[in-house]
Amino acid sequence: MANIITPANTSAAAPGWLCLALRQFHGLNARLDALQSVAALATRGFVAEAFFKSGLTKLHDWDTTLALFQDEYSVSLVPHQVAAVMGTGGELVLPVLLLLGLGGRFAPLGLSFVNLVAVVSLSEIAPAALQQHVTWGVLLVALALFGSGRWALDSLLLRRWPGLTR
């Protein structure tokens, strides 16, 4: 078996510059870790606002929304009226859950589905609009993978009642 050199079995100490660099790196990591909840909240707010405003626009002029779902969007799996209600409902309910951090990964996954359906159902989409949908999609996938952060109602509820996960 080969001898592995570790700090515990060597008499030579690490160079001072290396120790200093590692301490600085560790300090930077700790500061960035402390910002994760802020970043998650900002991300949740940014995406939630976009989808919620879209839902309000659809709700504000329901006749135009129905016409869009009938003529512009190709959602052929369900009647256009049902698709309009589902899409608008998703754009109004899921962003609220996302912003509050309630429902964990359900809201980002649900909005990812809404986002994907929006892109796929449009026969033509402008490059700038497509880029916006890609940005929202990446942010939603990140929230689904990494969670809503400590500044979310889910985290607060789990800290208050740890037995909820059982």
Protein backbone atom coordinates (compact mmCIF):
# COMPACT_ATOMS: atom_id res chain seq x y z
CA MET A 1 0.00 0.00 0.00
CA ALA A 2 1.40 3.37 -0.98
CA ASN A 3 1.96 6.00 1.63
CA ILE A 4 -0.34 8.96 1.24
CA ILE A 5 1.00 12.25 2.46
CA THR A 6 -1.48 14.21 4.59
CA PRO A 7 -0.99 17.13 6.98
CA ALA A 8 -1.28 14.66 9.87
CA ASN A 9 1.62 12.44 8.79
CA THR A 10 4.11 15.00 7.51
CA SER A 11 6.40 17.20 9.47
CA ALA A 12 6.39 19.93 6.83
CA ALA A 13 3.71 22.55 7.32
CA ALA A 14 1.84 23.97 4.35
CA PRO A 15 3.33 27.18 3.03
CA GLY A 16 1.92 30.32 4.64
CA TRP A 17 0.65 31.71 1.34
CA LEU A 18 -1.35 28.52 0.75
CA CYS A 19 -2.97 28.66 4.19
CA LEU A 20 -3.84 32.32 3.63
CA ALA A 21 -5.31 31.60 0.19
CA LEU A 22 -7.40 28.71 1.53
CA ARG A 23 -8.70 30.84 4.42
CA GLN A 24 -9.66 33.61 1.97
CA PHE A 25 -11.38 31.09 -0.31
CA HIS A 26 -13.27 29.59 2.64
CA GLY A 27 -14.36 33.08 3.74
CA LEU A 28 -15.60 33.88 0.23
CA ASN A 29 -17.53 30.60 0.13
CA ALA A 30 -19.16 31.39 3.47
CA ARG A 31 -20.23 34.86 2.29
CA LEU A 32 -21.63 33.48 -0.96
CA ASP A 33 -23.48 30.72 0.92
CA ALA A 34 -25.09 33.42 3.07
CA LEU A 35 -26.45 35.06 -0.10
CA GLN A 36 -28.16 31.91 -1.42
CA SER A 37 -31.50 32.68 0.24
CA VAL A 38 -31.44 36.26 -1.06
CA ALA A 39 -30.68 35.01 -4.58
CA ALA A 40 -33.43 32.38 -4.41
CA LEU A 41 -35.96 34.99 -3.24
CA ALA A 42 -34.92 37.43 -5.98
CA THR A 43 -35.17 34.67 -8.59
CA ARG A 44 -38.59 33.61 -7.31
CA GLY A 45 -39.78 37.23 -7.41
CA PHE A 46 -38.42 37.89 -10.91
CA VAL A 47 -40.06 34.84 -12.47
CA ALA A 48 -43.28 35.10 -10.45
CA GLU A 49 -43.83 38.69 -11.56
CA ALA A 50 -43.51 37.83 -15.26
CA PHE A 51 -45.97 34.93 -15.13
CA PHE A 52 -48.45 36.67 -12.81
CA LYS A 53 -48.59 39.76 -15.05
CA SER A 54 -49.20 37.50 -18.04
CA GLY A 55 -52.07 35.82 -16.20
CA LEU A 56 -53.59 39.18 -15.24
CA THR A 57 -53.42 40.30 -18.87
CA LYS A 58 -55.28 37.18 -19.97
CA LEU A 59 -57.87 37.62 -17.24
CA HIS A 60 -58.36 41.32 -18.04
CA ASP A 61 -59.52 40.65 -21.60
CA TRP A 62 -61.02 37.17 -21.52
CA ASP A 63 -62.56 37.35 -25.00
CA THR A 64 -59.16 38.08 -26.55
CA THR A 65 -57.63 35.30 -24.46
CA LEU A 66 -60.18 32.80 -25.76
CA ALA A 67 -59.55 33.98 -29.32
CA LEU A 68 -55.78 33.59 -28.85
CA PHE A 69 -56.18 30.07 -27.51
CA GLN A 70 -58.48 29.19 -30.39
CA ASP A 71 -56.56 30.79 -33.26
CA GLU A 72 -52.96 31.53 -32.25
CA TYR A 73 -51.90 28.81 -29.81
CA SER A 74 -51.89 25.23 -31.04
CA VAL A 75 -53.08 23.39 -27.96
CA SER A 76 -54.94 20.54 -29.58
CA LEU A 77 -55.07 18.10 -26.65
CA VAL A 78 -57.89 19.95 -24.90
CA PRO A 79 -60.59 22.38 -26.07
CA HIS A 80 -59.32 25.95 -26.34
CA GLN A 81 -61.63 27.12 -23.53
CA VAL A 82 -60.17 24.53 -21.14
CA ALA A 83 -56.61 25.39 -22.22
CA ALA A 84 -57.32 29.09 -21.60
CA VAL A 85 -58.62 28.43 -18.09
CA MET A 86 -55.74 26.06 -17.26
CA GLY A 87 -53.07 28.37 -18.65
CA THR A 88 -54.46 31.49 -17.00
CA GLY A 89 -55.04 29.67 -13.72
CA GLY A 90 -51.48 28.35 -13.76
CA GLU A 91 -50.13 31.83 -14.46
CA LEU A 92 -52.08 33.28 -11.53
CA VAL A 93 -51.78 30.58 -8.84
CA LEU A 94 -48.31 29.10 -9.39
CA PRO A 95 -46.42 32.45 -9.25
CA VAL A 96 -47.99 33.22 -5.87
CA LEU A 97 -46.87 29.84 -4.56
CA LEU A 98 -43.43 30.41 -6.09
CA LEU A 99 -43.00 33.86 -4.57
CA LEU A 100 -44.08 32.67 -1.13
CA GLY A 101 -41.91 29.57 -1.38
CA LEU A 102 -44.93 27.42 -0.63
CA GLY A 103 -45.24 23.99 -2.18
CA GLY A 104 -41.51 23.53 -2.59
CA ARG A 105 -40.60 22.37 -6.01
CA PHE A 106 -44.20 22.06 -7.23
CA ALA A 107 -44.49 25.72 -8.30
CA PRO A 108 -41.25 25.87 -10.31
CA LEU A 109 -42.05 22.56 -11.99
CA GLY A 110 -45.60 23.68 -12.75
CA LEU A 111 -44.42 26.99 -14.19
CA SER A 112 -41.78 25.15 -16.20
CA PHE A 113 -44.61 23.18 -17.78
CA VAL A 114 -46.61 26.37 -18.46
CA ASN A 115 -43.48 27.96 -19.95
CA LEU A 116 -42.77 24.95 -22.16
CA VAL A 117 -46.36 24.74 -23.38
CA ALA A 118 -46.30 28.47 -24.19
CA VAL A 119 -43.19 28.09 -26.34
CA VAL A 120 -44.28 24.88 -28.06
CA SER A 121 -47.84 26.06 -28.74
CA LEU A 122 -46.85 29.23 -30.55
CA SER A 123 -46.46 28.72 -34.27
CA GLU A 124 -44.02 31.63 -34.50
CA ILE A 125 -42.05 33.19 -31.68
CA ALA A 126 -39.73 36.17 -31.89
CA PRO A 127 -36.10 35.46 -30.94
CA ALA A 128 -36.23 37.95 -28.05
CA ALA A 129 -39.38 36.32 -26.68
CA LEU A 130 -37.82 32.88 -27.01
CA GLN A 131 -34.74 34.09 -25.11
CA GLN A 132 -37.00 35.36 -22.32
CA HIS A 133 -38.70 31.97 -22.08
CA VAL A 134 -35.30 30.23 -22.02
CA THR A 135 -34.15 32.52 -19.18
CA TRP A 136 -37.30 31.82 -17.17
CA GLY A 137 -36.92 28.11 -17.89
CA VAL A 138 -33.33 28.00 -16.64
CA LEU A 139 -34.25 29.90 -13.47
CA LEU A 140 -37.23 27.64 -12.83
CA VAL A 141 -35.15 24.50 -13.31
CA ALA A 142 -32.55 25.89 -10.88
CA LEU A 143 -35.29 26.52 -8.28
CA ALA A 144 -36.71 23.05 -8.85
CA LEU A 145 -33.27 21.47 -8.40
CA PHE A 146 -31.93 23.57 -5.52
CA GLY A 147 -35.14 24.51 -3.74
CA SER A 148 -36.65 27.83 -2.68
CA GLY A 149 -34.07 28.66 -0.03
CA ARG A 150 -34.35 29.44 3.66
CA TRP A 151 -36.50 32.52 3.01
CA ALA A 152 -39.48 30.44 1.92
CA LEU A 153 -42.64 29.53 3.78
CA ASP A 154 -41.79 25.85 3.36
CA SER A 155 -38.53 26.35 5.26
CA LEU A 156 -40.26 28.38 7.94
CA LEU A 157 -42.93 25.71 8.42
CA LEU A 158 -40.33 22.94 8.58
CA ARG A 159 -38.26 24.86 11.13
CA ARG A 160 -41.40 25.47 13.21
CA TRP A 161 -42.76 21.92 12.90
CA PRO A 162 -39.93 19.54 11.96
CA GLY A 163 -42.28 16.54 12.15
CA LEU A 164 -44.10 17.65 8.97
CA THR A 165 -41.65 15.70 6.82
CA ARG A 166 -42.44 12.34 8.36
